[in-house]
């Protein structure tokens, strides 16, 4: 899943436009998010699945966002 897909899904829920921005701008405006994205640390659940025999269930993040599970009441 790409960051772009997550941002576009959230922007759609909030009814605001999504736009690209250079990494340094994001780091300046939203330091925590900027540092997180700049780290370029790909992650998978492969090791967890193998080590613990875990299999994810339920919706994926994009489905959660689309369903409105993170909306404020």
PDB file of N, CA and C in Angstrom:
ATOM      1  N   UNK A   1       0.858  -1.166   0.000  1.00  0.00           N
ATOM      2  CA  UNK A   1       0.000   0.000   0.000  1.00  0.00           C
ATOM      3  C   UNK A   1       0.907   1.234   0.000  1.00  0.00           C
ATOM      4  N   UNK A   2       0.581   2.146  -0.847  1.00  0.00           N
ATOM      5  CA  UNK A   2       1.370   3.362  -0.965  1.00  0.00           C
ATOM      6  C   UNK A   2       0.810   4.472  -0.086  1.00  0.00           C
ATOM      7  N   UNK A   3       1.700   5.363   0.348  1.00  0.00           N
ATOM      8  CA  UNK A   3       1.280   6.520   1.141  1.00  0.00           C
ATOM      9  C   UNK A   3       0.261   7.326   0.345  1.00  0.00           C
ATOM     10  N   UNK A   4       0.482   7.438  -0.952  1.00  0.00           N
ATOM     11  CA  UNK A   4      -0.448   8.190  -1.801  1.00  0.00           C
ATOM     12  C   UNK A   4      -1.869   7.625  -1.693  1.00  0.00           C
ATOM     13  N   UNK A   5      -2.007   6.309  -1.684  1.00  0.00           N
ATOM     14  CA  UNK A   5      -3.331   5.685  -1.590  1.00  0.00           C
ATOM     15  C   UNK A   5      -3.999   6.021  -0.254  1.00  0.00           C
ATOM     16  N   UNK A   6      -3.227   6.018   0.810  1.00  0.00           N
ATOM     17  CA  UNK A   6      -3.771   6.333   2.134  1.00  0.00           C
ATOM     18  C   UNK A   6      -4.213   7.791   2.182  1.00  0.00           C
ATOM     19  N   UNK A   7      -3.362   8.684   1.684  1.00  0.00           N
ATOM     20  CA  UNK A   7      -3.685  10.113   1.689  1.00  0.00           C
ATOM     21  C   UNK A   7      -4.924  10.383   0.845  1.00  0.00           C
ATOM     22  N   UNK A   8      -5.011   9.773  -0.325  1.00  0.00           N
ATOM     23  CA  UNK A   8      -6.173   9.983  -1.179  1.00  0.00           C
ATOM     24  C   UNK A   8      -7.447   9.456  -0.526  1.00  0.00           C
ATOM     25  N   UNK A   9      -7.352   8.324   0.156  1.00  0.00           N
ATOM     26  CA  UNK A   9      -8.525   7.779   0.853  1.00  0.00           C
ATOM     27  C   UNK A   9      -8.967   8.711   1.985  1.00  0.00           C
ATOM     28  N   UNK A  10      -8.020   9.204   2.769  1.00  0.00           N
ATOM     29  CA  UNK A  10      -8.353  10.120   3.863  1.00  0.00           C
ATOM     30  C   UNK A  10      -8.904  11.436   3.327  1.00  0.00           C
ATOM     31  N   UNK A  11      -8.298  11.956   2.277  1.00  0.00           N
ATOM     32  CA  UNK A  11      -8.777  13.208   1.678  1.00  0.00           C
ATOM     33  C   UNK A  11     -10.207  13.027   1.165  1.00  0.00           C
ATOM     34  N   UNK A  12     -10.484  11.877   0.581  1.00  0.00           N
ATOM     35  CA  UNK A  12     -11.837  11.609   0.105  1.00  0.00           C
ATOM     36  C   UNK A  12     -12.852  11.590   1.231  1.00  0.00           C
ATOM     37  N   UNK A  13     -12.492  10.975   2.363  1.00  0.00           N
ATOM     38  CA  UNK A  13     -13.398  10.947   3.523  1.00  0.00           C
ATOM     39  C   UNK A  13     -13.635  12.340   4.076  1.00  0.00           C
ATOM     40  N   UNK A  14     -12.587  13.172   4.034  1.00  0.00           N
ATOM     41  CA  UNK A  14     -12.681  14.522   4.592  1.00  0.00           C
ATOM     42  C   UNK A  14     -13.197  15.538   3.581  1.00  0.00           C
ATOM     43  N   UNK A  15     -13.384  15.085   2.337  1.00  0.00           N
ATOM     44  CA  UNK A  15     -13.853  15.951   1.257  1.00  0.00           C
ATOM     45  C   UNK A  15     -12.921  17.144   1.056  1.00  0.00           C
ATOM     46  N   UNK A  16     -11.631  16.853   1.057  1.00  0.00           N
ATOM     47  CA  UNK A  16     -10.612  17.867   0.771  1.00  0.00           C
ATOM     48  C   UNK A  16      -9.720  17.319  -0.353  1.00  0.00           C
ATOM     49  N   UNK A  17      -9.068  18.210  -1.092  1.00  0.00           N
ATOM     50  CA  UNK A  17      -8.197  17.726  -2.163  1.00  0.00           C
ATOM     51  C   UNK A  17      -6.905  17.139  -1.607  1.00  0.00           C
ATOM     52  N   UNK A  18      -6.406  16.126  -2.281  1.00  0.00           N
ATOM     53  CA  UNK A  18      -5.084  15.569  -1.956  1.00  0.00           C
ATOM     54  C   UNK A  18      -4.097  16.160  -2.956  1.00  0.00           C
ATOM     55  N   UNK A  19      -2.920  16.515  -2.488  1.00  0.00           N
ATOM     56  CA  UNK A  19      -1.921  17.042  -3.404  1.00  0.00           C
ATOM     57  C   UNK A  19      -0.545  16.562  -2.992  1.00  0.00           C
ATOM     58  N   UNK A  20       0.334  16.487  -3.947  1.00  0.00           N
ATOM     59  CA  UNK A  20       1.710  16.083  -3.683  1.00  0.00           C
ATOM     60  C   UNK A  20       2.480  17.256  -3.094  1.00  0.00           C
ATOM     61  N   UNK A  21       3.475  16.916  -2.298  1.00  0.00           N
ATOM     62  CA  UNK A  21       4.345  17.937  -1.718  1.00  0.00           C
ATOM     63  C   UNK A  21       5.729  17.336  -1.564  1.00  0.00           C
ATOM     64  N   UNK A  22       6.766  18.152  -1.720  1.00  0.00           N
ATOM     65  CA  UNK A  22       8.119  17.632  -1.527  1.00  0.00           C
ATOM     66  C   UNK A  22       8.340  17.202  -0.079  1.00  0.00           C
ATOM     67  N   UNK A  23       9.178  16.213   0.111  1.00  0.00           N
ATOM     68  CA  UNK A  23       9.435  15.662   1.449  1.00  0.00           C
ATOM     69  C   UNK A  23       9.856  16.737   2.439  1.00  0.00           C
ATOM     70  N   UNK A  24      10.705  17.673   2.016  1.00  0.00           N
ATOM     71  CA  UNK A  24      11.171  18.703   2.955  1.00  0.00           C
ATOM     72  C   UNK A  24      10.026  19.603   3.417  1.00  0.00           C
ATOM     73  N   UNK A  25       9.053  19.851   2.559  1.00  0.00           N
ATOM     74  CA  UNK A  25       7.899  20.664   2.951  1.00  0.00           C
ATOM     75  C   UNK A  25       7.053  19.931   3.988  1.00  0.00           C
ATOM     76  N   UNK A  26       6.833  18.649   3.769  1.00  0.00           N
ATOM     77  CA  UNK A  26       6.062  17.866   4.733  1.00  0.00           C
ATOM     78  C   UNK A  26       6.800  17.816   6.065  1.00  0.00           C
ATOM     79  N   UNK A  27       8.120  17.620   6.023  1.00  0.00           N
ATOM     80  CA  UNK A  27       8.916  17.580   7.255  1.00  0.00           C
ATOM     81  C   UNK A  27       8.837  18.899   8.006  1.00  0.00           C
ATOM     82  N   UNK A  28       8.799  20.019   7.281  1.00  0.00           N
ATOM     83  CA  UNK A  28       8.706  21.338   7.920  1.00  0.00           C
ATOM     84  C   UNK A  28       7.317  21.574   8.522  1.00  0.00           C
ATOM     85  N   UNK A  29       6.276  21.174   7.793  1.00  0.00           N
ATOM     86  CA  UNK A  29       4.910  21.477   8.219  1.00  0.00           C
ATOM     87  C   UNK A  29       4.352  20.471   9.221  1.00  0.00           C
ATOM     88  N   UNK A  30       4.725  19.203   9.076  1.00  0.00           N
ATOM     89  CA  UNK A  30       4.248  18.149   9.975  1.00  0.00           C
ATOM     90  C   UNK A  30       5.458  17.294  10.350  1.00  0.00           C
ATOM     91  N   UNK A  31       6.285  17.757  11.293  1.00  0.00           N
ATOM     92  CA  UNK A  31       7.569  17.096  11.562  1.00  0.00           C
ATOM     93  C   UNK A  31       7.492  15.596  11.815  1.00  0.00           C
ATOM     94  N   UNK A  32       6.572  15.137  12.638  1.00  0.00           N
ATOM     95  CA  UNK A  32       6.518  13.700  12.933  1.00  0.00           C
ATOM     96  C   UNK A  32       6.254  12.900  11.669  1.00  0.00           C
ATOM     97  N   UNK A  33       5.261  13.307  10.906  1.00  0.00           N
ATOM     98  CA  UNK A  33       4.907  12.591   9.683  1.00  0.00           C
ATOM     99  C   UNK A  33       6.047  12.679   8.676  1.00  0.00           C
ATOM    100  N   UNK A  34       6.635  13.851   8.550  1.00  0.00           N
ATOM    101  CA  UNK A  34       7.736  14.025   7.610  1.00  0.00           C
ATOM    102  C   UNK A  34       8.916  13.128   7.927  1.00  0.00           C
ATOM    103  N   UNK A  35       9.285  13.032   9.192  1.00  0.00           N
ATOM    104  CA  UNK A  35      10.406  12.160   9.581  1.00  0.00           C
ATOM    105  C   UNK A  35      10.053  10.691   9.355  1.00  0.00           C
ATOM    106  N   UNK A  36       8.821  10.331   9.649  1.00  0.00           N
ATOM    107  CA  UNK A  36       8.367   8.958   9.446  1.00  0.00           C
ATOM    108  C   UNK A  36       8.450   8.584   7.971  1.00  0.00           C
ATOM    109  N   UNK A  37       7.943   9.443   7.099  1.00  0.00           N
ATOM    110  CA  UNK A  37       7.958   9.149   5.670  1.00  0.00           C
ATOM    111  C   UNK A  37       9.373   9.189   5.090  1.00  0.00           C
ATOM    112  N   UNK A  38      10.205  10.070   5.604  1.00  0.00           N
ATOM    113  CA  UNK A  38      11.571  10.175   5.096  1.00  0.00           C
ATOM    114  C   UNK A  38      12.417   8.965   5.470  1.00  0.00           C
ATOM    115  N   UNK A  39      12.024   8.230   6.489  1.00  0.00           N
ATOM    116  CA  UNK A  39      12.805   7.081   6.935  1.00  0.00           C
ATOM    117  C   UNK A  39      12.849   5.967   5.897  1.00  0.00           C
ATOM    118  N   UNK A  40      11.867   5.914   5.012  1.00  0.00           N
ATOM    119  CA  UNK A  40      11.821   4.898   3.956  1.00  0.00           C
ATOM    120  C   UNK A  40      12.071   3.516   4.542  1.00  0.00           C
ATOM    121  N   UNK A  41      11.240   3.144   5.494  1.00  0.00           N
ATOM    122  CA  UNK A  41      11.371   1.860   6.178  1.00  0.00           C
ATOM    123  C   UNK A  41      10.222   0.937   5.775  1.00  0.00           C
ATOM    124  N   UNK A  42      10.417   0.200   4.699  1.00  0.00           N
ATOM    125  CA  UNK A  42       9.339  -0.697   4.296  1.00  0.00           C
ATOM    126  C   UNK A  42       9.080  -1.745   5.371  1.00  0.00           C
ATOM    127  N   UNK A  43       7.835  -2.090   5.538  1.00  0.00           N
ATOM    128  CA  UNK A  43       7.474  -3.071   6.567  1.00  0.00           C
ATOM    129  C   UNK A  43       6.466  -4.059   5.995  1.00  0.00           C
ATOM    130  N   UNK A  44       6.581  -5.282   6.426  1.00  0.00           N
ATOM    131  CA  UNK A  44       5.606  -6.302   6.064  1.00  0.00           C
ATOM    132  C   UNK A  44       5.301  -7.122   7.309  1.00  0.00           C
ATOM    133  N   UNK A  45       4.278  -7.915   7.229  1.00  0.00           N
ATOM    134  CA  UNK A  45       3.935  -8.793   8.347  1.00  0.00           C
ATOM    135  C   UNK A  45       4.464 -10.204   8.119  1.00  0.00           C
ATOM    136  N   UNK A  46       5.318 -10.389   7.138  1.00  0.00           N
ATOM    137  CA  UNK A  46       5.802 -11.735   6.790  1.00  0.00           C
ATOM    138  C   UNK A  46       6.453 -12.456   7.972  1.00  0.00           C
ATOM    139  N   UNK A  47       7.340 -11.777   8.706  1.00  0.00           N
ATOM    140  CA  UNK A  47       8.035 -12.426   9.820  1.00  0.00           C
ATOM    141  C   UNK A  47       7.043 -12.779  10.929  1.00  0.00           C
ATOM    142  N   UNK A  48       6.133 -11.855  11.230  1.00  0.00           N
ATOM    143  CA  UNK A  48       5.127 -12.118  12.259  1.00  0.00           C
ATOM    144  C   UNK A  48       4.257 -13.302  11.864  1.00  0.00           C
ATOM    145  N   UNK A  49       3.848 -13.329  10.625  1.00  0.00           N
ATOM    146  CA  UNK A  49       3.007 -14.439  10.149  1.00  0.00           C
ATOM    147  C   UNK A  49       3.742 -15.769  10.291  1.00  0.00           C
ATOM    148  N   UNK A  50       5.013 -15.776   9.894  1.00  0.00           N
ATOM    149  CA  UNK A  50       5.787 -17.022   9.961  1.00  0.00           C
ATOM    150  C   UNK A  50       6.086 -17.424  11.401  1.00  0.00           C
ATOM    151  N   UNK A  51       6.550 -16.481  12.204  1.00  0.00           N
ATOM    152  CA  UNK A  51       6.956 -16.772  13.572  1.00  0.00           C
ATOM    153  C   UNK A  51       5.785 -17.206  14.455  1.00  0.00           C
ATOM    154  N   UNK A  52       4.663 -16.512  14.326  1.00  0.00           N
ATOM    155  CA  UNK A  52       3.531 -16.759  15.216  1.00  0.00           C
ATOM    156  C   UNK A  52       2.383 -17.513  14.560  1.00  0.00           C
ATOM    157  N   UNK A  53       2.518 -17.809  13.276  1.00  0.00           N
ATOM    158  CA  UNK A  53       1.430 -18.465  12.576  1.00  0.00           C
ATOM    159  C   UNK A  53       0.198 -17.579  12.464  1.00  0.00           C
ATOM    160  N   UNK A  54       0.429 -16.273  12.451  1.00  0.00           N
ATOM    161  CA  UNK A  54      -0.653 -15.291  12.432  1.00  0.00           C
ATOM    162  C   UNK A  54      -1.124 -15.036  11.007  1.00  0.00           C
ATOM    163  N   UNK A  55      -2.412 -14.944  10.850  1.00  0.00           N
ATOM    164  CA  UNK A  55      -3.005 -14.544   9.579  1.00  0.00           C
ATOM    165  C   UNK A  55      -3.967 -13.397   9.852  1.00  0.00           C
ATOM    166  N   UNK A  56      -3.780 -12.268   9.169  1.00  0.00           N
ATOM    167  CA  UNK A  56      -4.674 -11.132   9.414  1.00  0.00           C
ATOM    168  C   UNK A  56      -6.096 -11.439   8.969  1.00  0.00           C
ATOM    169  N   UNK A  57      -7.036 -10.866   9.683  1.00  0.00           N
ATOM    170  CA  UNK A  57      -8.446 -10.992   9.324  1.00  0.00           C
ATOM    171  C   UNK A  57      -9.058  -9.600   9.342  1.00  0.00           C
ATOM    172  N   UNK A  58     -10.184  -9.472   8.754  1.00  0.00           N
ATOM    173  CA  UNK A  58     -10.864  -8.186   8.760  1.00  0.00           C
ATOM    174  C   UNK A  58     -10.439  -7.321   7.602  1.00  0.00           C
ATOM    175  N   UNK A  59     -10.951  -6.105   7.578  1.00  0.00           N
ATOM    176  CA  UNK A  59     -10.679  -5.212   6.465  1.00  0.00           C
ATOM    177  C   UNK A  59      -9.250  -4.670   6.485  1.00  0.00           C
ATOM    178  N   UNK A  60      -8.778  -4.283   5.314  1.00  0.00           N
ATOM    179  CA  UNK A  60      -7.482  -3.616   5.228  1.00  0.00           C
ATOM    180  C   UNK A  60      -7.690  -2.135   5.541  1.00  0.00           C
ATOM    181  N   UNK A  61      -6.614  -1.392   5.729  1.00  0.00           N
ATOM    182  CA  UNK A  61      -6.701   0.013   6.127  1.00  0.00           C
ATOM    183  C   UNK A  61      -7.568   0.830   5.178  1.00  0.00           C
ATOM    184  N   UNK A  62      -7.385   0.667   3.877  1.00  0.00           N
ATOM    185  CA  UNK A  62      -8.165   1.461   2.929  1.00  0.00           C
ATOM    186  C   UNK A  62      -9.663   1.174   3.051  1.00  0.00           C
ATOM    187  N   UNK A  63     -10.015  -0.069   3.346  1.00  0.00           N
ATOM    188  CA  UNK A  63     -11.430  -0.410   3.554  1.00  0.00           C
ATOM    189  C   UNK A  63     -11.949   0.226   4.847  1.00  0.00           C
ATOM    190  N   UNK A  64     -11.126   0.245   5.891  1.00  0.00           N
ATOM    191  CA  UNK A  64     -11.495   0.906   7.148  1.00  0.00           C
ATOM    192  C   UNK A  64     -11.762   2.389   6.924  1.00  0.00           C
ATOM    193  N   UNK A  65     -10.860   3.034   6.199  1.00  0.00           N
ATOM    194  CA  UNK A  65     -11.016   4.470   5.933  1.00  0.00           C
ATOM    195  C   UNK A  65     -12.294   4.717   5.147  1.00  0.00           C
ATOM    196  N   UNK A  66     -12.525   3.933   4.096  1.00  0.00           N
ATOM    197  CA  UNK A  66     -13.717   4.091   3.263  1.00  0.00           C
ATOM    198  C   UNK A  66     -15.000   3.885   4.067  1.00  0.00           C
ATOM    199  N   UNK A  67     -14.962   2.986   5.041  1.00  0.00           N
ATOM    200  CA  UNK A  67     -16.145   2.705   5.861  1.00  0.00           C
ATOM    201  C   UNK A  67     -16.394   3.766   6.918  1.00  0.00           C
ATOM    202  N   UNK A  68     -15.427   4.639   7.148  1.00  0.00           N
ATOM    203  CA  UNK A  68     -15.625   5.728   8.103  1.00  0.00           C
ATOM    204  C   UNK A  68     -15.339   5.364   9.545  1.00  0.00           C
ATOM    205  N   UNK A  69     -14.619   4.267   9.781  1.00  0.00           N
ATOM    206  CA  UNK A  69     -14.329   3.847  11.146  1.00  0.00           C
ATOM    207  C   UNK A  69     -13.507   4.875  11.935  1.00  0.00           C
ATOM    208  N   UNK A  70     -12.823   5.771  11.249  1.00  0.00           N
ATOM    209  CA  UNK A  70     -11.972   6.745  11.931  1.00  0.00           C
ATOM    210  C   UNK A  70     -12.622   8.115  12.003  1.00  0.00           C
ATOM    211  N   UNK A  71     -13.847   8.232  11.563  1.00  0.00           N
ATOM    212  CA  UNK A  71     -14.539   9.525  11.608  1.00  0.00           C
ATOM    213  C   UNK A  71     -14.875   9.900  13.038  1.00  0.00           C
ATOM    214  N   UNK A  72     -14.877  11.181  13.296  1.00  0.00           N
ATOM    215  CA  UNK A  72     -15.293  11.695  14.609  1.00  0.00           C
ATOM    216  C   UNK A  72     -16.810  11.694  14.663  1.00  0.00           C
ATOM    217  N   UNK A  73     -17.393  11.402  15.823  1.00  0.00           N
ATOM    218  CA  UNK A  73     -18.869  11.431  15.940  1.00  0.00           C
ATOM    219  C   UNK A  73     -19.404  12.850  15.851  1.00  0.00           C
TER     220      UNK A  73
END
